[in-house]
C-alpha atoms as a PDB file:
ATOM      1  CA  UNK A   1     -13.670  15.583  15.116  1.00  0.00           C
ATOM      2  CA  UNK A   2     -11.815  18.538  13.695  1.00  0.00           C
ATOM      3  CA  UNK A   3      -8.983  18.364  11.146  1.00  0.00           C
ATOM      4  CA  UNK A   4      -7.256  21.456   9.770  1.00  0.00           C
ATOM      5  CA  UNK A   5      -4.670  21.943   7.012  1.00  0.00           C
ATOM      6  CA  UNK A   6      -3.304  25.482   6.758  1.00  0.00           C
ATOM      7  CA  UNK A   7       0.052  24.713   5.117  1.00  0.00           C
ATOM      8  CA  UNK A   8      -0.231  25.592   1.422  1.00  0.00           C
ATOM      9  CA  UNK A   9       1.848  22.682   0.102  1.00  0.00           C
ATOM     10  CA  UNK A  10       0.106  20.136   2.319  1.00  0.00           C
ATOM     11  CA  UNK A  11      -3.332  21.422   1.337  1.00  0.00           C
ATOM     12  CA  UNK A  12      -2.368  21.057  -2.326  1.00  0.00           C
ATOM     13  CA  UNK A  13      -1.079  17.493  -1.789  1.00  0.00           C
ATOM     14  CA  UNK A  14      -4.159  16.499   0.229  1.00  0.00           C
ATOM     15  CA  UNK A  15      -6.474  17.891  -2.466  1.00  0.00           C
ATOM     16  CA  UNK A  16      -4.661  16.088  -5.292  1.00  0.00           C
ATOM     17  CA  UNK A  17      -4.581  12.848  -3.306  1.00  0.00           C
ATOM     18  CA  UNK A  18      -8.309  12.615  -2.704  1.00  0.00           C
ATOM     19  CA  UNK A  19      -9.331  14.077  -6.060  1.00  0.00           C
ATOM     20  CA  UNK A  20      -7.822  11.043  -7.786  1.00  0.00           C
ATOM     21  CA  UNK A  21      -9.538   8.410  -5.629  1.00  0.00           C
ATOM     22  CA  UNK A  22     -12.391   8.332  -8.145  1.00  0.00           C
ATOM     23  CA  UNK A  23     -10.049   6.632 -10.631  1.00  0.00           C
ATOM     24  CA  UNK A  24     -10.012   3.537  -8.408  1.00  0.00           C
ATOM     25  CA  UNK A  25     -13.395   3.277  -6.721  1.00  0.00           C
ATOM     26  CA  UNK A  26     -16.797   4.957  -6.493  1.00  0.00           C
ATOM     27  CA  UNK A  27     -16.979   4.904  -2.698  1.00  0.00           C
ATOM     28  CA  UNK A  28     -14.428   4.863   0.087  1.00  0.00           C
ATOM     29  CA  UNK A  29     -14.286   4.500   3.853  1.00  0.00           C
ATOM     30  CA  UNK A  30     -12.121   7.123   5.546  1.00  0.00           C
ATOM     31  CA  UNK A  31     -10.954   5.941   8.962  1.00  0.00           C
ATOM     32  CA  UNK A  32     -10.221   8.909  11.208  1.00  0.00           C
ATOM     33  CA  UNK A  33      -8.324   7.265  14.069  1.00  0.00           C
ATOM     34  CA  UNK A  34      -6.886   9.095  17.104  1.00  0.00           C
ATOM     35  CA  UNK A  35      -3.355   8.900  15.653  1.00  0.00           C
ATOM     36  CA  UNK A  36      -3.911   8.905  11.888  1.00  0.00           C
ATOM     37  CA  UNK A  37      -6.205   9.056   8.872  1.00  0.00           C
ATOM     38  CA  UNK A  38      -6.271   5.719   7.034  1.00  0.00           C
ATOM     39  CA  UNK A  39      -8.043   4.548   3.893  1.00  0.00           C
ATOM     40  CA  UNK A  40      -7.883   1.434   1.751  1.00  0.00           C
ATOM     41  CA  UNK A  41      -9.568   0.567  -1.517  1.00  0.00           C
ATOM     42  CA  UNK A  42      -9.524  -1.663  -4.578  1.00  0.00           C
ATOM     43  CA  UNK A  43     -10.418  -0.932  -8.181  1.00  0.00           C
ATOM     44  CA  UNK A  44     -13.430  -2.645  -9.761  1.00  0.00           C
ATOM     45  CA  UNK A  45     -11.264  -5.092 -11.735  1.00  0.00           C
ATOM     46  CA  UNK A  46      -9.429  -6.155  -8.546  1.00  0.00           C
ATOM     47  CA  UNK A  47      -6.069  -5.488 -10.190  1.00  0.00           C
ATOM     48  CA  UNK A  48      -4.876  -2.605  -8.000  1.00  0.00           C
ATOM     49  CA  UNK A  49      -5.130  -1.819  -4.283  1.00  0.00           C
ATOM     50  CA  UNK A  50      -4.267   1.438  -2.543  1.00  0.00           C
ATOM     51  CA  UNK A  51      -3.604   2.422   1.061  1.00  0.00           C
ATOM     52  CA  UNK A  52      -3.452   5.950   2.465  1.00  0.00           C
ATOM     53  CA  UNK A  53      -1.587   6.670   5.695  1.00  0.00           C
ATOM     54  CA  UNK A  54      -1.561  10.216   7.112  1.00  0.00           C
ATOM     55  CA  UNK A  55      -0.348  10.508  10.739  1.00  0.00           C
ATOM     56  CA  UNK A  56      -2.075  13.049  12.946  1.00  0.00           C
ATOM     57  CA  UNK A  57       1.153  15.062  13.312  1.00  0.00           C
ATOM     58  CA  UNK A  58       1.103  15.805   9.563  1.00  0.00           C
ATOM     59  CA  UNK A  59      -1.980  17.990   9.950  1.00  0.00           C
ATOM     60  CA  UNK A  60      -1.829  21.510  11.392  1.00  0.00           C
ATOM     61  CA  UNK A  61      -4.646  20.518  13.752  1.00  0.00           C
ATOM     62  CA  UNK A  62      -6.025  17.044  14.404  1.00  0.00           C
ATOM     63  CA  UNK A  63      -8.590  16.466  17.135  1.00  0.00           C
ATOM     64  CA  UNK A  64     -10.083  12.974  17.215  1.00  0.00           C
ATOM     65  CA  UNK A  65     -10.605  10.939  20.391  1.00  0.00           C
ATOM     66  CA  UNK A  66     -12.178   7.789  18.914  1.00  0.00           C
ATOM     67  CA  UNK A  67     -12.109   6.074  15.539  1.00  0.00           C
ATOM     68  CA  UNK A  68     -14.750   7.247  13.075  1.00  0.00           C
ATOM     69  CA  UNK A  69     -15.328   5.281   9.857  1.00  0.00           C
ATOM     70  CA  UNK A  70     -16.945   7.568   7.293  1.00  0.00           C
ATOM     71  CA  UNK A  71     -18.179   6.310   3.916  1.00  0.00           C
ATOM     72  CA  UNK A  72     -18.082   8.818   1.058  1.00  0.00           C
ATOM     73  CA  UNK A  73     -18.712   9.090  -2.660  1.00  0.00           C
ATOM     74  CA  UNK A  74     -15.334   9.669  -4.327  1.00  0.00           C
ATOM     75  CA  UNK A  75     -16.999  11.475  -7.240  1.00  0.00           C
ATOM     76  CA  UNK A  76     -18.736  13.936  -4.904  1.00  0.00           C
ATOM     77  CA  UNK A  77     -15.496  14.430  -3.001  1.00  0.00           C
ATOM     78  CA  UNK A  78     -13.759  15.186  -6.309  1.00  0.00           C
ATOM     79  CA  UNK A  79     -16.330  17.842  -7.210  1.00  0.00           C
ATOM     80  CA  UNK A  80     -15.989  19.509  -3.821  1.00  0.00           C
ATOM     81  CA  UNK A  81     -12.186  19.521  -3.824  1.00  0.00           C
ATOM     82  CA  UNK A  82     -12.228  20.848  -7.378  1.00  0.00           C
ATOM     83  CA  UNK A  83     -13.744  24.092  -6.084  1.00  0.00           C
ATOM     84  CA  UNK A  84     -10.899  24.766  -3.655  1.00  0.00           C
ATOM     85  CA  UNK A  85      -8.639  27.696  -4.521  1.00  0.00           C
ATOM     86  CA  UNK A  86      -4.899  27.638  -3.946  1.00  0.00           C
ATOM     87  CA  UNK A  87      -4.852  30.008  -0.983  1.00  0.00           C
ATOM     88  CA  UNK A  88      -7.664  28.305   0.945  1.00  0.00           C
ATOM     89  CA  UNK A  89      -7.057  26.184   4.009  1.00  0.00           C
ATOM     90  CA  UNK A  90      -9.025  22.980   4.572  1.00  0.00           C
ATOM     91  CA  UNK A  91     -11.177  22.271   7.622  1.00  0.00           C
ATOM     92  CA  UNK A  92     -12.915  18.899   8.078  1.00  0.00           C
ATOM     93  CA  UNK A  93     -15.475  18.420  10.846  1.00  0.00           C
ATOM     94  CA  UNK A  94     -17.660  15.570  12.031  1.00  0.00           C
ATOM     95  CA  UNK A  95     -19.923  15.361  15.055  1.00  0.00           C
ATOM     96  CA  UNK A  96     -21.702  12.492  16.801  1.00  0.00           C
ATOM     97  CA  UNK A  97     -24.695  14.827  16.979  1.00  0.00           C
ATOM     98  CA  UNK A  98     -24.991  14.794  13.169  1.00  0.00           C
ATOM     99  CA  UNK A  99     -23.725  11.378  12.117  1.00  0.00           C
ATOM    100  CA  UNK A 100     -25.027  11.382   8.536  1.00  0.00           C
ATOM    101  CA  UNK A 101     -22.900  14.297   7.310  1.00  0.00           C
ATOM    102  CA  UNK A 102     -19.259  15.322   6.976  1.00  0.00           C
ATOM    103  CA  UNK A 103     -18.560  19.045   6.856  1.00  0.00           C
ATOM    104  CA  UNK A 104     -15.812  20.564   4.708  1.00  0.00           C
ATOM    105  CA  UNK A 105     -14.805  24.219   4.745  1.00  0.00           C
ATOM    106  CA  UNK A 106     -12.385  26.064   2.469  1.00  0.00           C
ATOM    107  CA  UNK A 107     -11.311  29.214   4.300  1.00  0.00           C
ATOM    108  CA  UNK A 108      -9.106  32.093   3.146  1.00  0.00           C
ATOM    109  CA  UNK A 109      -7.911  35.340   4.687  1.00  0.00           C
ATOM    110  CA  UNK A 110      -7.429  36.795   1.199  1.00  0.00           C
ATOM    111  CA  UNK A 111      -9.830  37.784  -1.568  1.00  0.00           C
ATOM    112  CA  UNK A 112     -11.323  34.310  -2.096  1.00  0.00           C
ATOM    113  CA  UNK A 113     -14.809  33.626  -0.802  1.00  0.00           C
ATOM    114  CA  UNK A 114     -15.133  31.031   1.952  1.00  0.00           C
ATOM    115  CA  UNK A 115     -16.888  27.821   0.873  1.00  0.00           C
ATOM    116  CA  UNK A 116     -18.817  25.369   3.045  1.00  0.00           C
ATOM    117  CA  UNK A 117     -20.002  21.866   2.140  1.00  0.00           C
ATOM    118  CA  UNK A 118     -22.081  19.107   3.684  1.00  0.00           C
ATOM    119  CA  UNK A 119     -21.253  15.620   2.360  1.00  0.00           C
ATOM    120  CA  UNK A 120     -23.870  12.904   2.874  1.00  0.00           C
ATOM    121  CA  UNK A 121     -22.261   9.832   4.440  1.00  0.00           C
ATOM    122  CA  UNK A 122     -22.777   6.281   3.189  1.00  0.00           C
ATOM    123  CA  UNK A 123     -22.703   3.010   5.121  1.00  0.00           C
ATOM    124  CA  UNK A 124     -20.178   0.800   3.349  1.00  0.00           C
ATOM    125  CA  UNK A 125     -19.432  -2.800   4.168  1.00  0.00           C
ATOM    126  CA  UNK A 126     -15.805  -3.605   3.460  1.00  0.00           C
ATOM    127  CA  UNK A 127     -13.156  -5.788   5.033  1.00  0.00           C
ATOM    128  CA  UNK A 128      -9.642  -4.495   5.465  1.00  0.00           C
ATOM    129  CA  UNK A 129      -7.123  -6.537   3.493  1.00  0.00           C
ATOM    130  CA  UNK A 130      -3.920  -7.606   5.177  1.00  0.00           C
ATOM    131  CA  UNK A 131      -1.183  -6.956   2.627  1.00  0.00           C
ATOM    132  CA  UNK A 132       1.848  -9.167   3.259  1.00  0.00           C
ATOM    133  CA  UNK A 133       5.375  -7.791   3.356  1.00  0.00           C
ATOM    134  CA  UNK A 134       7.546  -8.735   0.362  1.00  0.00           C
ATOM    135  CA  UNK A 135      11.332  -8.740  -0.026  1.00  0.00           C
ATOM    136  CA  UNK A 136      11.447  -7.118  -3.471  1.00  0.00           C
ATOM    137  CA  UNK A 137      14.107  -8.024  -6.009  1.00  0.00           C
ATOM    138  CA  UNK A 138      14.494  -4.486  -7.400  1.00  0.00           C
ATOM    139  CA  UNK A 139      13.678  -0.938  -6.327  1.00  0.00           C
ATOM    140  CA  UNK A 140      14.059   2.430  -8.013  1.00  0.00           C
ATOM    141  CA  UNK A 141      12.951   6.035  -7.507  1.00  0.00           C
ATOM    142  CA  UNK A 142      12.669   8.915  -9.952  1.00  0.00           C
ATOM    143  CA  UNK A 143      10.824  12.191 -10.445  1.00  0.00           C
ATOM    144  CA  UNK A 144       7.094  11.432 -10.406  1.00  0.00           C
ATOM    145  CA  UNK A 145       6.326  13.889 -13.216  1.00  0.00           C
ATOM    146  CA  UNK A 146       8.966  12.252 -15.446  1.00  0.00           C
ATOM    147  CA  UNK A 147       7.570   8.780 -14.835  1.00  0.00           C
ATOM    148  CA  UNK A 148       4.014  10.004 -15.459  1.00  0.00           C
ATOM    149  CA  UNK A 149       5.124  11.525 -18.776  1.00  0.00           C
ATOM    150  CA  UNK A 150       6.846   8.319 -19.866  1.00  0.00           C
ATOM    151  CA  UNK A 151       3.834   6.159 -18.981  1.00  0.00           C
ATOM    152  CA  UNK A 152       1.502   8.546 -20.834  1.00  0.00           C
ATOM    153  CA  UNK A 153       3.632   8.244 -23.973  1.00  0.00           C
ATOM    154  CA  UNK A 154       4.013   4.468 -23.726  1.00  0.00           C
ATOM    155  CA  UNK A 155       0.243   4.085 -23.324  1.00  0.00           C
ATOM    156  CA  UNK A 156      -0.143   5.305 -26.931  1.00  0.00           C
ATOM    157  CA  UNK A 157       1.822   2.287 -28.201  1.00  0.00           C
ATOM    158  CA  UNK A 158       0.317  -0.632 -26.331  1.00  0.00           C
ATOM    159  CA  UNK A 159      -1.818  -1.952 -23.500  1.00  0.00           C
ATOM    160  CA  UNK A 160       1.002  -3.431 -21.432  1.00  0.00           C
ATOM    161  CA  UNK A 161       4.267  -2.148 -20.036  1.00  0.00           C
ATOM    162  CA  UNK A 162       7.245  -4.498 -19.956  1.00  0.00           C
ATOM    163  CA  UNK A 163       9.772  -3.568 -17.288  1.00  0.00           C
ATOM    164  CA  UNK A 164      13.208  -5.023 -17.965  1.00  0.00           C
ATOM    165  CA  UNK A 165      15.606  -4.374 -15.147  1.00  0.00           C
ATOM    166  CA  UNK A 166      19.153  -5.502 -14.421  1.00  0.00           C
ATOM    167  CA  UNK A 167      22.338  -4.027 -12.980  1.00  0.00           C
ATOM    168  CA  UNK A 168      23.121  -2.187 -16.240  1.00  0.00           C
ATOM    169  CA  UNK A 169      19.821  -0.633 -17.290  1.00  0.00           C
ATOM    170  CA  UNK A 170      16.149  -0.014 -16.688  1.00  0.00           C
ATOM    171  CA  UNK A 171      14.126  -0.391 -19.901  1.00  0.00           C
ATOM    172  CA  UNK A 172      10.395   0.331 -20.259  1.00  0.00           C
ATOM    173  CA  UNK A 173       8.678  -1.032 -23.381  1.00  0.00           C
ATOM    174  CA  UNK A 174       5.173  -0.954 -24.850  1.00  0.00           C
ATOM    175  CA  UNK A 175       4.274  -3.091 -27.868  1.00  0.00           C
ATOM    176  CA  UNK A 176       1.264  -3.617 -30.119  1.00  0.00           C
ATOM    177  CA  UNK A 177       0.647  -5.069 -33.570  1.00  0.00           C
ATOM    178  CA  UNK A 178      -1.170  -1.912 -34.654  1.00  0.00           C
ATOM    179  CA  UNK A 179       1.137   0.803 -33.257  1.00  0.00           C
ATOM    180  CA  UNK A 180       4.524  -0.883 -33.341  1.00  0.00           C
ATOM    181  CA  UNK A 181       6.509  -0.446 -30.149  1.00  0.00           C
ATOM    182  CA  UNK A 182       8.220   2.154 -27.996  1.00  0.00           C
ATOM    183  CA  UNK A 183      11.085   1.649 -25.563  1.00  0.00           C
ATOM    184  CA  UNK A 184      12.512   4.057 -23.023  1.00  0.00           C
ATOM    185  CA  UNK A 185      15.903   3.380 -21.475  1.00  0.00           C
ATOM    186  CA  UNK A 186      16.234   5.166 -18.156  1.00  0.00           C
ATOM    187  CA  UNK A 187      19.914   5.705 -17.255  1.00  0.00           C
ATOM    188  CA  UNK A 188      20.709   4.324 -13.825  1.00  0.00           C
ATOM    189  CA  UNK A 189      22.559   7.554 -12.988  1.00  0.00           C
ATOM    190  CA  UNK A 190      19.343   9.523 -13.563  1.00  0.00           C
ATOM    191  CA  UNK A 191      17.516   7.588 -10.838  1.00  0.00           C
ATOM    192  CA  UNK A 192      17.517   8.978  -7.301  1.00  0.00           C
ATOM    193  CA  UNK A 193      17.554   5.403  -6.010  1.00  0.00           C
ATOM    194  CA  UNK A 194      18.347   2.101  -7.693  1.00  0.00           C
ATOM    195  CA  UNK A 195      18.905  -1.308  -6.137  1.00  0.00           C
ATOM    196  CA  UNK A 196      18.645  -4.831  -7.531  1.00  0.00           C
ATOM    197  CA  UNK A 197      19.754  -8.232  -6.347  1.00  0.00           C
ATOM    198  CA  UNK A 198      23.203  -9.087  -7.679  1.00  0.00           C
ATOM    199  CA  UNK A 199      23.065 -10.858 -11.029  1.00  0.00           C
ATOM    200  CA  UNK A 200      19.305 -10.445 -11.310  1.00  0.00           C
ATOM    201  CA  UNK A 201      17.407  -9.708 -14.527  1.00  0.00           C
ATOM    202  CA  UNK A 202      13.686  -9.028 -14.270  1.00  0.00           C
ATOM    203  CA  UNK A 203      11.119  -9.039 -17.081  1.00  0.00           C
ATOM    204  CA  UNK A 204       7.646  -8.182 -15.764  1.00  0.00           C
ATOM    205  CA  UNK A 205       4.534  -6.825 -17.487  1.00  0.00           C
ATOM    206  CA  UNK A 206       1.818  -4.553 -16.097  1.00  0.00           C
ATOM    207  CA  UNK A 207      -1.334  -2.907 -17.408  1.00  0.00           C
ATOM    208  CA  UNK A 208      -0.506   0.541 -18.783  1.00  0.00           C
ATOM    209  CA  UNK A 209      -4.027   1.868 -18.218  1.00  0.00           C
ATOM    210  CA  UNK A 210      -3.794   1.013 -14.508  1.00  0.00           C
ATOM    211  CA  UNK A 211      -0.274   2.451 -14.306  1.00  0.00           C
ATOM    212  CA  UNK A 212      -1.600   5.597 -15.941  1.00  0.00           C
ATOM    213  CA  UNK A 213      -4.144   5.918 -13.114  1.00  0.00           C
ATOM    214  CA  UNK A 214      -1.378   5.445 -10.551  1.00  0.00           C
ATOM    215  CA  UNK A 215       0.598   8.219 -12.227  1.00  0.00           C
ATOM    216  CA  UNK A 216      -2.367  10.587 -11.765  1.00  0.00           C
ATOM    217  CA  UNK A 217      -1.082  11.030  -8.197  1.00  0.00           C
ATOM    218  CA  UNK A 218       2.207  12.557  -9.380  1.00  0.00           C
ATOM    219  CA  UNK A 219       1.225  16.004  -8.057  1.00  0.00           C
ATOM    220  CA  UNK A 220       1.107  14.566  -4.536  1.00  0.00           C
ATOM    221  CA  UNK A 221       4.879  14.130  -4.424  1.00  0.00           C
ATOM    222  CA  UNK A 222       7.974  15.136  -6.391  1.00  0.00           C
ATOM    223  CA  UNK A 223       9.171  11.530  -6.565  1.00  0.00           C
ATOM    224  CA  UNK A 224       7.771   8.027  -6.930  1.00  0.00           C
ATOM    225  CA  UNK A 225       9.308   4.889  -5.450  1.00  0.00           C
ATOM    226  CA  UNK A 226       8.722   1.622  -7.320  1.00  0.00           C
ATOM    227  CA  UNK A 227       9.467  -1.912  -6.143  1.00  0.00           C
ATOM    228  CA  UNK A 228       9.161  -5.012  -8.332  1.00  0.00           C
ATOM    229  CA  UNK A 229       9.546  -8.757  -8.007  1.00  0.00           C
ATOM    230  CA  UNK A 230       8.584 -11.642 -10.250  1.00  0.00           C
ATOM    231  CA  UNK A 231       5.090 -13.017  -9.562  1.00  0.00           C
ATOM    232  CA  UNK A 232       4.290 -10.249  -7.055  1.00  0.00           C
ATOM    233  CA  UNK A 233       2.383  -6.973  -7.414  1.00  0.00           C
ATOM    234  CA  UNK A 234       4.366  -3.862  -8.253  1.00  0.00           C
ATOM    235  CA  UNK A 235       4.467  -1.491  -5.258  1.00  0.00           C
ATOM    236  CA  UNK A 236       4.463   2.273  -5.777  1.00  0.00           C
ATOM    237  CA  UNK A 237       4.821   4.836  -2.996  1.00  0.00           C
ATOM    238  CA  UNK A 238       4.278   8.588  -3.000  1.00  0.00           C
ATOM    239  CA  UNK A 239       5.377  10.434   0.135  1.00  0.00           C
ATOM    240  CA  UNK A 240       3.308  13.509   0.939  1.00  0.00           C
ATOM    241  CA  UNK A 241       6.453  15.026   2.430  1.00  0.00           C
ATOM    242  CA  UNK A 242      10.133  14.034   2.096  1.00  0.00           C
ATOM    243  CA  UNK A 243      11.479  11.564   4.619  1.00  0.00           C
ATOM    244  CA  UNK A 244      14.514  12.673   6.595  1.00  0.00           C
ATOM    245  CA  UNK A 245      17.679  10.614   6.597  1.00  0.00           C
ATOM    246  CA  UNK A 246      16.853   9.085   9.984  1.00  0.00           C
ATOM    247  CA  UNK A 247      13.109   8.698   9.407  1.00  0.00           C
ATOM    248  CA  UNK A 248      11.434   5.492   8.346  1.00  0.00           C
ATOM    249  CA  UNK A 249       9.054   5.626   5.382  1.00  0.00           C
ATOM    250  CA  UNK A 250       6.395   3.860   7.485  1.00  0.00           C
ATOM    251  CA  UNK A 251       6.115   6.901   9.766  1.00  0.00           C
ATOM    252  CA  UNK A 252       5.463   9.365   6.926  1.00  0.00           C
ATOM    253  CA  UNK A 253       2.266  10.534   5.254  1.00  0.00           C
ATOM    254  CA  UNK A 254       1.958   8.522   2.035  1.00  0.00           C
ATOM    255  CA  UNK A 255      -0.157   6.679  -0.466  1.00  0.00           C
ATOM    256  CA  UNK A 256       0.920   3.172  -1.441  1.00  0.00           C
ATOM    257  CA  UNK A 257      -0.549   1.501  -4.540  1.00  0.00           C
ATOM    258  CA  UNK A 258      -0.107  -2.147  -5.533  1.00  0.00           C
ATOM    259  CA  UNK A 259      -0.627  -3.367  -9.099  1.00  0.00           C
ATOM    260  CA  UNK A 260      -0.863  -7.037 -10.014  1.00  0.00           C
ATOM    261  CA  UNK A 261       1.425  -8.184 -12.863  1.00  0.00           C
ATOM    262  CA  UNK A 262       0.154  -9.393 -16.198  1.00  0.00           C
ATOM    263  CA  UNK A 263       0.266 -13.166 -16.474  1.00  0.00           C
ATOM    264  CA  UNK A 264       1.127 -14.954 -19.717  1.00  0.00           C
ATOM    265  CA  UNK A 265      -2.460 -16.139 -20.163  1.00  0.00           C
ATOM    266  CA  UNK A 266      -3.933 -12.638 -19.565  1.00  0.00           C
ATOM    267  CA  UNK A 267      -5.671 -11.182 -22.570  1.00  0.00           C
END
């Protein structure tokens, strides 16, 4: 197997994507399939689930004839990716002749020194979850950095985020007995996408600490898409590259993260 990323923006997005995996789990199986790279994981509290889809065409070079499932330490992967410099391309290699290691190389034609790594592989037992399709009641998109900033501020005023959404406004509120409360009203006109079922008003709560972890991926994409429905997990999507007008989101490189809502009896 040989995977190469030479495009500067894609290398940056790929690095940011896998650096933040450690926020959700200690170990991960990367499935290098002939047509895509796929990964799925769940956080230790079983509140959030993520899926990574990167089609082979997204990479500058992708050579893989059979599926290889490679278990890795996310913390070790973070440390390795943290050494990559901006101008260095990424090369990933795996061979059936050396099945207990994954090789990463950061290569540059400029002044940076080339770096080479051997990652020990881990055998992980995990079943792939089948995530059902949901017809969401509301959907909105906005700049990922703006949403990350709002969530970071709200997190200082409470443990939970209340999303109130109707045809007139989108309001985000955090409350606590100790810190008072903070509300942010996001004008509908400032959203790049907004849709809600006619006459609908949604009031749904989510863990701000888990949302804060989701927002750590904001450097992967300029925008974040969020879908919500009562009694269903919130769905967030970051596209690693913009989708064209005639392209379906499902064909694009992306990370999708689901977050279970807070229930009334949750502490």
